Amino acid sequence: MEPNGQLAVIIAKLDLLVDKLEPSDLDNATPCANFTVQGVLDHMIGIATAIAPGFRGEAPPAPAAAPAATDGVPAAEFHDAMADLLDAVNSPGAMERTVSAPFGDVPGEVFARFVAFDGLIHGYDLASGAGLAYDLPPQVVADVDAFARQALAPEMRDGDTFARETVPPEGASVLEQLVAFSGRSL
């Protein structure tokens, strides 16, 4: 599956997941050691907003101020950021264009695959932190897994971007195996 197709499926699942979050979930810990549920949402909104212009061949936006604190789930902001990201990866030439990623300049198709990997894993973080189900089509998980295992370079396992691979429990799903590969403890 092409990365923009993967992102379409993943973002649709993320949107459904975010719609189920409650304000009481926001301070919950997630498997991502650096973020609470609110932190994952803020991170995903910020990253999507920052990288979407690159897929369109536009200059990156000026650094944004930290999101304003709210009393609720920033669902509208999340949905808007994800819709803009999906529109950007589907824009003419996005997959062929060179995009400036946090780890260097890469073809749009490669970066879109990293974005799909990141979104899939952070979806798991949100679901785990809120105690919600997170089901993706097995083929999407398998395609993202195949890319991640070839693309995740050792220097990316800096403990911040990715931690060391963990051992999934016996009987772990394909998704849980990929989450463990990303460095999360299950």
N, C-alpha and C. Protein backbone atom coordinates (compact mmCIF):
# COMPACT_ATOMS: atom_id res chain seq x y z
N MET A 1 0.85 -1.18 0.00
CA MET A 1 0.00 0.00 0.00
C MET A 1 0.89 1.24 0.00
N GLU A 2 0.52 2.21 -0.79
CA GLU A 2 1.26 3.46 -0.86
C GLU A 2 1.14 4.20 0.48
N PRO A 3 2.14 5.03 0.83
CA PRO A 3 2.10 5.69 2.14
C PRO A 3 0.93 6.65 2.32
N ASN A 4 0.50 7.31 1.25
CA ASN A 4 -0.66 8.20 1.43
C ASN A 4 -1.93 7.39 1.69
N GLY A 5 -1.99 6.17 1.15
CA GLY A 5 -3.11 5.27 1.47
C GLY A 5 -3.04 4.80 2.91
N GLN A 6 -1.83 4.48 3.37
CA GLN A 6 -1.65 4.09 4.77
C GLN A 6 -2.10 5.23 5.68
N LEU A 7 -1.65 6.45 5.35
CA LEU A 7 -2.01 7.60 6.18
C LEU A 7 -3.51 7.84 6.18
N ALA A 8 -4.17 7.63 5.06
CA ALA A 8 -5.62 7.82 5.02
C ALA A 8 -6.30 6.88 6.02
N VAL A 9 -5.88 5.63 6.05
CA VAL A 9 -6.46 4.66 6.98
C VAL A 9 -6.11 5.02 8.42
N ILE A 10 -4.84 5.32 8.67
CA ILE A 10 -4.38 5.61 10.03
C ILE A 10 -5.05 6.87 10.56
N ILE A 11 -5.10 7.92 9.75
CA ILE A 11 -5.71 9.18 10.21
C ILE A 11 -7.19 8.99 10.48
N ALA A 12 -7.88 8.23 9.66
CA ALA A 12 -9.30 7.97 9.92
C ALA A 12 -9.47 7.28 11.28
N LYS A 13 -8.62 6.31 11.59
CA LYS A 13 -8.68 5.62 12.89
C LYS A 13 -8.33 6.59 14.01
N LEU A 14 -7.31 7.43 13.79
CA LEU A 14 -6.92 8.40 14.82
C LEU A 14 -8.06 9.37 15.11
N ASP A 15 -8.73 9.84 14.05
CA ASP A 15 -9.85 10.76 14.25
C ASP A 15 -10.95 10.13 15.10
N LEU A 16 -11.26 8.87 14.82
CA LEU A 16 -12.28 8.16 15.62
C LEU A 16 -11.82 8.01 17.07
N LEU A 17 -10.55 7.72 17.25
CA LEU A 17 -9.98 7.55 18.59
C LEU A 17 -10.06 8.86 19.38
N VAL A 18 -9.65 9.95 18.73
CA VAL A 18 -9.65 11.26 19.41
C VAL A 18 -11.08 11.66 19.79
N ASP A 19 -12.04 11.30 18.97
CA ASP A 19 -13.44 11.61 19.29
C ASP A 19 -13.93 10.87 20.53
N LYS A 20 -13.26 9.80 20.91
CA LYS A 20 -13.66 9.03 22.09
C LYS A 20 -12.94 9.48 23.36
N LEU A 21 -11.94 10.33 23.22
CA LEU A 21 -11.20 10.79 24.40
C LEU A 21 -12.07 11.70 25.26
N GLU A 22 -11.86 11.59 26.54
CA GLU A 22 -12.55 12.43 27.52
C GLU A 22 -11.52 13.37 28.16
N PRO A 23 -11.94 14.54 28.62
CA PRO A 23 -11.00 15.44 29.29
C PRO A 23 -10.25 14.75 30.44
N SER A 24 -10.90 13.82 31.10
CA SER A 24 -10.24 13.12 32.21
C SER A 24 -9.11 12.21 31.73
N ASP A 25 -9.02 11.92 30.44
CA ASP A 25 -7.94 11.08 29.89
C ASP A 25 -6.65 11.87 29.67
N LEU A 26 -6.74 13.17 29.55
CA LEU A 26 -5.63 13.97 29.06
C LEU A 26 -4.36 13.89 29.90
N ASP A 27 -4.47 13.73 31.19
CA ASP A 27 -3.28 13.66 32.05
C ASP A 27 -2.75 12.25 32.23
N ASN A 28 -3.40 11.27 31.59
CA ASN A 28 -2.96 9.87 31.73
C ASN A 28 -1.62 9.64 31.05
N ALA A 29 -0.84 8.76 31.66
CA ALA A 29 0.44 8.35 31.07
C ALA A 29 0.17 7.51 29.82
N THR A 30 1.13 7.48 28.92
CA THR A 30 1.04 6.65 27.71
C THR A 30 2.31 5.80 27.63
N PRO A 31 2.34 4.82 26.74
CA PRO A 31 3.57 4.05 26.55
C PRO A 31 4.73 4.88 26.01
N CYS A 32 4.44 6.06 25.47
CA CYS A 32 5.50 6.97 25.04
C CYS A 32 5.98 7.70 26.29
N ALA A 33 7.17 7.36 26.72
CA ALA A 33 7.67 7.86 28.01
C ALA A 33 7.67 9.37 28.12
N ASN A 34 7.75 10.08 26.99
CA ASN A 34 7.84 11.54 27.04
C ASN A 34 6.50 12.25 27.11
N PHE A 35 5.39 11.52 26.90
CA PHE A 35 4.12 12.21 26.74
C PHE A 35 2.97 11.58 27.51
N THR A 36 2.11 12.45 28.04
CA THR A 36 0.78 12.06 28.50
C THR A 36 -0.11 12.02 27.26
N VAL A 37 -1.38 11.69 27.44
CA VAL A 37 -2.32 11.72 26.32
C VAL A 37 -2.34 13.13 25.72
N GLN A 38 -2.42 14.16 26.56
CA GLN A 38 -2.40 15.55 26.06
C GLN A 38 -1.11 15.82 25.31
N GLY A 39 0.00 15.35 25.83
CA GLY A 39 1.28 15.56 25.17
C GLY A 39 1.35 14.91 23.79
N VAL A 40 0.78 13.72 23.66
CA VAL A 40 0.74 13.05 22.35
C VAL A 40 -0.11 13.87 21.38
N LEU A 41 -1.27 14.33 21.85
CA LEU A 41 -2.12 15.15 20.98
C LEU A 41 -1.39 16.42 20.54
N ASP A 42 -0.78 17.12 21.48
CA ASP A 42 -0.05 18.35 21.15
C ASP A 42 1.08 18.07 20.16
N HIS A 43 1.80 16.98 20.41
CA HIS A 43 2.91 16.59 19.52
C HIS A 43 2.40 16.31 18.11
N MET A 44 1.35 15.54 18.01
CA MET A 44 0.83 15.18 16.69
C MET A 44 0.28 16.39 15.94
N ILE A 45 -0.40 17.28 16.64
CA ILE A 45 -0.91 18.50 16.02
C ILE A 45 0.26 19.36 15.54
N GLY A 46 1.24 19.53 16.40
CA GLY A 46 2.41 20.35 16.06
C GLY A 46 3.21 19.79 14.90
N ILE A 47 3.45 18.48 14.92
CA ILE A 47 4.23 17.86 13.84
C ILE A 47 3.46 17.94 12.52
N ALA A 48 2.18 17.60 12.53
CA ALA A 48 1.38 17.64 11.30
C ALA A 48 1.39 19.05 10.71
N THR A 49 1.22 20.05 11.56
CA THR A 49 1.20 21.44 11.12
C THR A 49 2.56 21.85 10.55
N ALA A 50 3.63 21.36 11.14
CA ALA A 50 4.98 21.73 10.70
C ALA A 50 5.39 21.05 9.41
N ILE A 51 4.96 19.81 9.19
CA ILE A 51 5.46 19.07 8.03
C ILE A 51 4.57 19.14 6.80
N ALA A 52 3.30 19.45 6.97
CA ALA A 52 2.39 19.48 5.81
C ALA A 52 2.91 20.40 4.70
N PRO A 53 3.39 21.60 4.98
CA PRO A 53 3.87 22.45 3.88
C PRO A 53 4.99 21.82 3.05
N GLY A 54 5.85 21.06 3.66
CA GLY A 54 6.94 20.42 2.94
C GLY A 54 6.45 19.47 1.87
N PHE A 55 5.36 18.77 2.14
CA PHE A 55 4.80 17.86 1.13
C PHE A 55 4.22 18.65 -0.05
N ARG A 56 3.87 19.91 0.18
CA ARG A 56 3.33 20.75 -0.90
C ARG A 56 4.43 21.53 -1.62
N GLY A 57 5.66 21.41 -1.13
CA GLY A 57 6.76 22.17 -1.71
C GLY A 57 6.82 23.59 -1.20
N GLU A 58 6.17 23.84 -0.09
CA GLU A 58 6.15 25.18 0.51
C GLU A 58 7.17 25.27 1.63
N ALA A 59 7.54 26.48 1.97
CA ALA A 59 8.47 26.71 3.07
C ALA A 59 7.81 26.28 4.38
N PRO A 60 8.62 25.78 5.31
CA PRO A 60 8.04 25.42 6.60
C PRO A 60 7.51 26.65 7.31
N PRO A 61 6.49 26.46 8.13
CA PRO A 61 5.93 27.61 8.86
C PRO A 61 6.89 28.09 9.94
N ALA A 62 6.69 29.30 10.37
CA ALA A 62 7.46 29.82 11.51
C ALA A 62 7.12 28.96 12.72
N PRO A 63 8.08 28.78 13.63
CA PRO A 63 7.77 27.99 14.82
C PRO A 63 6.54 28.53 15.53
N ALA A 64 5.66 27.63 15.86
CA ALA A 64 4.41 28.01 16.51
C ALA A 64 4.60 28.09 18.01
N ALA A 65 3.80 28.91 18.62
CA ALA A 65 3.79 28.99 20.08
C ALA A 65 3.18 27.70 20.61
N ALA A 66 3.48 27.40 21.84
CA ALA A 66 2.90 26.22 22.48
C ALA A 66 1.38 26.36 22.45
N PRO A 67 0.68 25.25 22.26
CA PRO A 67 -0.78 25.33 22.23
C PRO A 67 -1.33 25.89 23.54
N ALA A 68 -2.38 26.67 23.40
CA ALA A 68 -3.02 27.22 24.59
C ALA A 68 -3.68 26.10 25.37
N ALA A 69 -3.59 26.20 26.68
CA ALA A 69 -4.22 25.20 27.53
C ALA A 69 -5.73 25.28 27.37
N THR A 70 -6.35 24.14 27.29
CA THR A 70 -7.80 24.09 27.21
C THR A 70 -8.32 23.16 28.29
N ASP A 71 -9.60 23.23 28.52
CA ASP A 71 -10.21 22.33 29.50
C ASP A 71 -10.75 21.07 28.85
N GLY A 72 -10.61 20.98 27.54
CA GLY A 72 -11.18 19.84 26.85
C GLY A 72 -10.19 19.22 25.88
N VAL A 73 -10.64 18.18 25.24
CA VAL A 73 -9.85 17.49 24.25
C VAL A 73 -9.78 18.39 23.01
N PRO A 74 -8.58 18.65 22.48
CA PRO A 74 -8.46 19.51 21.30
C PRO A 74 -8.81 18.76 20.01
N ALA A 75 -10.00 18.21 19.98
CA ALA A 75 -10.41 17.37 18.85
C ALA A 75 -10.47 18.16 17.55
N ALA A 76 -11.04 19.34 17.56
CA ALA A 76 -11.15 20.12 16.33
C ALA A 76 -9.77 20.46 15.77
N GLU A 77 -8.87 20.86 16.64
CA GLU A 77 -7.51 21.19 16.21
C GLU A 77 -6.81 19.95 15.65
N PHE A 78 -7.02 18.82 16.29
CA PHE A 78 -6.43 17.56 15.82
C PHE A 78 -6.97 17.21 14.45
N HIS A 79 -8.29 17.22 14.31
CA HIS A 79 -8.91 16.88 13.03
C HIS A 79 -8.44 17.81 11.91
N ASP A 80 -8.35 19.11 12.20
CA ASP A 80 -7.90 20.06 11.19
C ASP A 80 -6.45 19.79 10.77
N ALA A 81 -5.59 19.54 11.74
CA ALA A 81 -4.18 19.28 11.44
C ALA A 81 -4.02 18.00 10.63
N MET A 82 -4.77 16.96 11.00
CA MET A 82 -4.66 15.69 10.27
C MET A 82 -5.24 15.81 8.86
N ALA A 83 -6.34 16.55 8.71
CA ALA A 83 -6.92 16.75 7.38
C ALA A 83 -5.96 17.51 6.48
N ASP A 84 -5.30 18.51 7.03
CA ASP A 84 -4.33 19.28 6.26
C ASP A 84 -3.13 18.40 5.88
N LEU A 85 -2.67 17.58 6.80
CA LEU A 85 -1.55 16.67 6.50
C LEU A 85 -1.94 15.70 5.39
N LEU A 86 -3.11 15.11 5.49
CA LEU A 86 -3.55 14.16 4.48
C LEU A 86 -3.71 14.85 3.12
N ASP A 87 -4.24 16.05 3.13
CA ASP A 87 -4.34 16.83 1.88
C ASP A 87 -2.95 17.08 1.31
N ALA A 88 -1.99 17.39 2.16
CA ALA A 88 -0.62 17.68 1.70
C ALA A 88 0.05 16.45 1.10
N VAL A 89 -0.08 15.30 1.73
CA VAL A 89 0.57 14.10 1.18
C VAL A 89 -0.10 13.63 -0.11
N ASN A 90 -1.33 14.09 -0.35
CA ASN A 90 -2.02 13.78 -1.59
C ASN A 90 -1.90 14.87 -2.64
N SER A 91 -1.16 15.93 -2.33
CA SER A 91 -1.01 17.03 -3.29
C SER A 91 -0.12 16.59 -4.45
N PRO A 92 -0.30 17.22 -5.61
CA PRO A 92 0.50 16.84 -6.78
C PRO A 92 2.01 16.92 -6.49
N GLY A 93 2.71 15.84 -6.79
CA GLY A 93 4.16 15.78 -6.64
C GLY A 93 4.67 15.50 -5.24
N ALA A 94 3.76 15.35 -4.27
CA ALA A 94 4.20 15.18 -2.87
C ALA A 94 5.10 13.98 -2.66
N MET A 95 4.81 12.87 -3.30
CA MET A 95 5.60 11.65 -3.07
C MET A 95 6.97 11.72 -3.76
N GLU A 96 7.08 12.53 -4.82
CA GLU A 96 8.34 12.65 -5.54
C GLU A 96 9.22 13.79 -5.01
N ARG A 97 8.62 14.73 -4.33
CA ARG A 97 9.31 15.92 -3.84
C ARG A 97 10.27 15.56 -2.72
N THR A 98 11.39 16.25 -2.63
CA THR A 98 12.30 16.10 -1.50
C THR A 98 11.74 16.93 -0.34
N VAL A 99 11.61 16.29 0.81
CA VAL A 99 11.03 16.93 1.99
C VAL A 99 12.09 16.99 3.08
N SER A 100 12.15 18.11 3.78
CA SER A 100 13.07 18.24 4.90
C SER A 100 12.43 17.61 6.13
N ALA A 101 12.97 16.47 6.52
CA ALA A 101 12.50 15.75 7.70
C ALA A 101 13.41 16.09 8.87
N PRO A 102 12.98 15.81 10.10
CA PRO A 102 13.84 16.08 11.26
C PRO A 102 15.20 15.36 11.18
N PHE A 103 15.29 14.31 10.38
CA PHE A 103 16.53 13.54 10.28
C PHE A 103 17.22 13.75 8.94
N GLY A 104 16.84 14.79 8.19
CA GLY A 104 17.49 15.11 6.92
C GLY A 104 16.50 15.17 5.77
N ASP A 105 17.01 15.52 4.60
CA ASP A 105 16.17 15.61 3.41
C ASP A 105 15.95 14.23 2.83
N VAL A 106 14.69 13.89 2.57
CA VAL A 106 14.32 12.57 2.04
C VAL A 106 13.21 12.73 1.01
N PRO A 107 13.07 11.73 0.12
CA PRO A 107 11.93 11.77 -0.80
C PRO A 107 10.61 11.77 -0.02
N GLY A 108 9.62 12.46 -0.57
CA GLY A 108 8.32 12.55 0.09
C GLY A 108 7.73 11.20 0.42
N GLU A 109 7.90 10.23 -0.48
CA GLU A 109 7.34 8.90 -0.23
C GLU A 109 7.95 8.27 1.01
N VAL A 110 9.26 8.41 1.18
CA VAL A 110 9.94 7.85 2.35
C VAL A 110 9.46 8.57 3.62
N PHE A 111 9.40 9.89 3.56
CA PHE A 111 8.98 10.63 4.75
C PHE A 111 7.53 10.31 5.10
N ALA A 112 6.68 10.16 4.09
CA ALA A 112 5.28 9.80 4.35
C ALA A 112 5.19 8.45 5.06
N ARG A 113 6.08 7.53 4.71
CA ARG A 113 6.10 6.23 5.40
C ARG A 113 6.53 6.39 6.86
N PHE A 114 7.49 7.27 7.12
CA PHE A 114 7.86 7.55 8.52
C PHE A 114 6.69 8.18 9.26
N VAL A 115 5.99 9.08 8.61
CA VAL A 115 4.83 9.74 9.24
C VAL A 115 3.75 8.70 9.55
N ALA A 116 3.54 7.76 8.64
CA ALA A 116 2.56 6.69 8.89
C ALA A 116 2.99 5.86 10.10
N PHE A 117 4.27 5.52 10.17
CA PHE A 117 4.81 4.77 11.31
C PHE A 117 4.59 5.55 12.60
N ASP A 118 4.95 6.81 12.60
CA ASP A 118 4.80 7.66 13.78
C ASP A 118 3.33 7.76 14.19
N GLY A 119 2.45 7.98 13.22
CA GLY A 119 1.03 8.11 13.53
C GLY A 119 0.44 6.83 14.08
N LEU A 120 0.84 5.70 13.48
CA LEU A 120 0.34 4.41 13.95
C LEU A 120 0.76 4.16 15.40
N ILE A 121 2.02 4.42 15.70
CA ILE A 121 2.54 4.20 17.06
C ILE A 121 1.90 5.16 18.05
N HIS A 122 1.78 6.43 17.67
CA HIS A 122 1.16 7.39 18.60
C HIS A 122 -0.33 7.11 18.79
N GLY A 123 -0.97 6.52 17.79
CA GLY A 123 -2.35 6.07 17.98
C GLY A 123 -2.43 5.02 19.07
N TYR A 124 -1.46 4.11 19.06
CA TYR A 124 -1.39 3.09 20.12
C TYR A 124 -1.19 3.78 21.48
N ASP A 125 -0.33 4.81 21.51
CA ASP A 125 -0.10 5.55 22.76
C ASP A 125 -1.40 6.16 23.28
N LEU A 126 -2.14 6.83 22.39
CA LEU A 126 -3.40 7.46 22.79
C LEU A 126 -4.38 6.43 23.31
N ALA A 127 -4.55 5.35 22.56
CA ALA A 127 -5.50 4.31 22.95
C ALA A 127 -5.12 3.70 24.28
N SER A 128 -3.85 3.39 24.45
CA SER A 128 -3.40 2.78 25.71
C SER A 128 -3.59 3.74 26.88
N GLY A 129 -3.25 5.00 26.68
CA GLY A 129 -3.39 5.98 27.75
C GLY A 129 -4.83 6.20 28.16
N ALA A 130 -5.74 6.03 27.22
CA ALA A 130 -7.16 6.26 27.51
C ALA A 130 -7.94 4.97 27.73
N GLY A 131 -7.28 3.82 27.60
CA GLY A 131 -7.96 2.55 27.78
C GLY A 131 -8.95 2.24 26.68
N LEU A 132 -8.63 2.65 25.46
CA LEU A 132 -9.53 2.44 24.32
C LEU A 132 -8.98 1.39 23.37
N ALA A 133 -9.85 0.79 22.60
CA ALA A 133 -9.44 -0.17 21.58
C ALA A 133 -8.81 0.58 20.42
N TYR A 134 -7.85 -0.05 19.76
CA TYR A 134 -7.18 0.55 18.61
C TYR A 134 -6.92 -0.56 17.61
N ASP A 135 -7.79 -0.67 16.66
CA ASP A 135 -7.69 -1.72 15.65
C ASP A 135 -7.44 -1.11 14.29
N LEU A 136 -6.44 -1.62 13.63
CA LEU A 136 -6.13 -1.21 12.27
C LEU A 136 -6.16 -2.43 11.37
N PRO A 137 -6.41 -2.23 10.09
CA PRO A 137 -6.36 -3.38 9.18
C PRO A 137 -4.98 -4.05 9.23
N PRO A 138 -4.94 -5.36 9.33
CA PRO A 138 -3.66 -6.07 9.44
C PRO A 138 -2.69 -5.74 8.32
N GLN A 139 -3.18 -5.52 7.10
CA GLN A 139 -2.27 -5.22 5.99
C GLN A 139 -1.58 -3.88 6.18
N VAL A 140 -2.28 -2.90 6.73
CA VAL A 140 -1.68 -1.59 6.99
C VAL A 140 -0.57 -1.75 8.03
N VAL A 141 -0.87 -2.48 9.10
CA VAL A 141 0.14 -2.70 10.15
C VAL A 141 1.34 -3.44 9.56
N ALA A 142 1.09 -4.46 8.76
CA ALA A 142 2.19 -5.25 8.17
C ALA A 142 3.04 -4.38 7.24
N ASP A 143 2.42 -3.53 6.44
CA ASP A 143 3.17 -2.66 5.54
C ASP A 143 4.01 -1.65 6.31
N VAL A 144 3.43 -1.05 7.34
CA VAL A 144 4.17 -0.09 8.16
C VAL A 144 5.31 -0.81 8.87
N ASP A 145 5.05 -2.00 9.38
CA ASP A 145 6.06 -2.80 10.07
C ASP A 145 7.24 -3.11 9.14
N ALA A 146 6.94 -3.53 7.92
CA ALA A 146 8.00 -3.87 6.96
C ALA A 146 8.89 -2.66 6.69
N PHE A 147 8.28 -1.49 6.52
CA PHE A 147 9.06 -0.28 6.31
C PHE A 147 9.89 0.06 7.54
N ALA A 148 9.26 0.05 8.71
CA ALA A 148 9.95 0.45 9.94
C ALA A 148 11.18 -0.41 10.20
N ARG A 149 11.07 -1.69 9.98
CA ARG A 149 12.18 -2.60 10.27
C ARG A 149 13.36 -2.39 9.33
N GLN A 150 13.13 -1.85 8.16
CA GLN A 150 14.25 -1.58 7.27
C GLN A 150 14.77 -0.15 7.42
N ALA A 151 13.91 0.77 7.86
CA ALA A 151 14.28 2.18 7.87
C ALA A 151 14.76 2.72 9.21
N LEU A 152 14.39 2.08 10.30
CA LEU A 152 14.75 2.59 11.62
C LEU A 152 16.23 2.33 11.87
N ALA A 153 17.03 3.37 11.68
CA ALA A 153 18.48 3.26 11.83
C ALA A 153 18.86 3.29 13.32
N PRO A 154 19.95 2.62 13.68
CA PRO A 154 20.38 2.59 15.09
C PRO A 154 20.53 3.98 15.71
N GLU A 155 21.02 4.95 14.93
CA GLU A 155 21.22 6.30 15.50
C GLU A 155 19.90 6.99 15.81
N MET A 156 18.79 6.47 15.29
CA MET A 156 17.48 7.04 15.62
C MET A 156 17.00 6.56 16.99
N ARG A 157 17.63 5.53 17.49
CA ARG A 157 17.26 4.99 18.82
C ARG A 157 18.05 5.74 19.89
N ASP A 158 17.74 7.02 20.00
CA ASP A 158 18.44 7.91 20.92
C ASP A 158 17.76 8.01 22.28
N GLY A 159 16.69 7.24 22.47
CA GLY A 159 15.94 7.30 23.72
C GLY A 159 14.88 8.38 23.69
N ASP A 160 14.95 9.27 22.71
CA ASP A 160 13.96 10.34 22.58
C ASP A 160 13.08 10.07 21.37
N THR A 161 13.69 10.00 20.19
CA THR A 161 12.93 9.70 18.98
C THR A 161 12.39 8.27 19.06
N PHE A 162 13.26 7.33 19.29
CA PHE A 162 12.91 5.93 19.49
C PHE A 162 13.81 5.39 20.60
N ALA A 163 13.26 4.52 21.41
CA ALA A 163 14.05 3.84 22.44
C ALA A 163 14.52 2.50 21.86
N ARG A 164 15.26 1.78 22.67
CA ARG A 164 15.67 0.44 22.25
C ARG A 164 14.45 -0.45 22.13
N GLU A 165 14.55 -1.38 21.19
CA GLU A 165 13.47 -2.34 20.98
C GLU A 165 13.23 -3.11 22.27
N THR A 166 11.97 -3.34 22.57
CA THR A 166 11.61 -4.15 23.74
C THR A 166 11.09 -5.50 23.27
N VAL A 167 10.95 -6.41 24.19
CA VAL A 167 10.47 -7.76 23.86
C VAL A 167 8.96 -7.79 24.10
N PRO A 168 8.19 -8.06 23.05
CA PRO A 168 6.74 -8.12 23.25
C PRO A 168 6.37 -9.39 24.01
N PRO A 169 5.25 -9.38 24.70
CA PRO A 169 4.83 -10.57 25.42
C PRO A 169 4.46 -11.69 24.43
N GLU A 170 4.52 -12.90 24.92
CA GLU A 170 4.13 -14.04 24.09
C GLU A 170 2.69 -13.84 23.64
N GLY A 171 2.43 -14.14 22.39
CA GLY A 171 1.08 -13.99 21.85
C GLY A 171 0.73 -12.56 21.44
N ALA A 172 1.73 -11.67 21.42
CA ALA A 172 1.48 -10.27 21.05
C ALA A 172 0.96 -10.19 19.61
N SER A 173 0.07 -9.25 19.39
CA SER A 173 -0.46 -9.02 18.04
C SER A 173 0.64 -8.42 17.17
N VAL A 174 0.39 -8.36 15.88
CA VAL A 174 1.34 -7.73 14.96
C VAL A 174 1.54 -6.27 15.35
N LEU A 175 0.47 -5.60 15.73
CA LEU A 175 0.57 -4.21 16.17
C LEU A 175 1.44 -4.11 17.43
N GLU A 176 1.21 -4.97 18.40
CA GLU A 176 2.00 -4.94 19.63
C GLU A 176 3.47 -5.25 19.35
N GLN A 177 3.74 -6.12 18.40
CA GLN A 177 5.13 -6.42 18.03
C GLN A 177 5.79 -5.18 17.43
N LEU A 178 5.07 -4.44 16.59
CA LEU A 178 5.60 -3.23 16.01
C LEU A 178 5.81 -2.16 17.10
N VAL A 179 4.88 -2.06 18.02
CA VAL A 179 5.01 -1.10 19.12
C VAL A 179 6.26 -1.44 19.95
N ALA A 180 6.49 -2.71 20.23
CA ALA A 180 7.70 -3.12 20.96
C ALA A 180 8.94 -2.80 20.16
N PHE A 181 8.89 -3.00 18.85
CA PHE A 181 10.03 -2.69 17.98
C PHE A 181 10.35 -1.19 18.06
N SER A 182 9.33 -0.38 18.21
CA SER A 182 9.54 1.08 18.28
C SER A 182 10.18 1.51 19.60
N GLY A 183 10.22 0.60 20.57
CA GLY A 183 10.86 0.91 21.84
C GLY A 183 9.89 1.11 22.99
N ARG A 184 8.62 0.86 22.76
CA ARG A 184 7.64 0.99 23.84
C ARG A 184 7.59 -0.29 24.64
N SER A 185 7.35 -0.17 25.94
CA SER A 185 7.08 -1.33 26.78
C SER A 185 5.59 -1.55 26.78
N LEU A 186 5.20 -2.82 26.67
CA LEU A 186 3.77 -3.14 26.65
C LEU A 186 3.29 -3.54 28.02
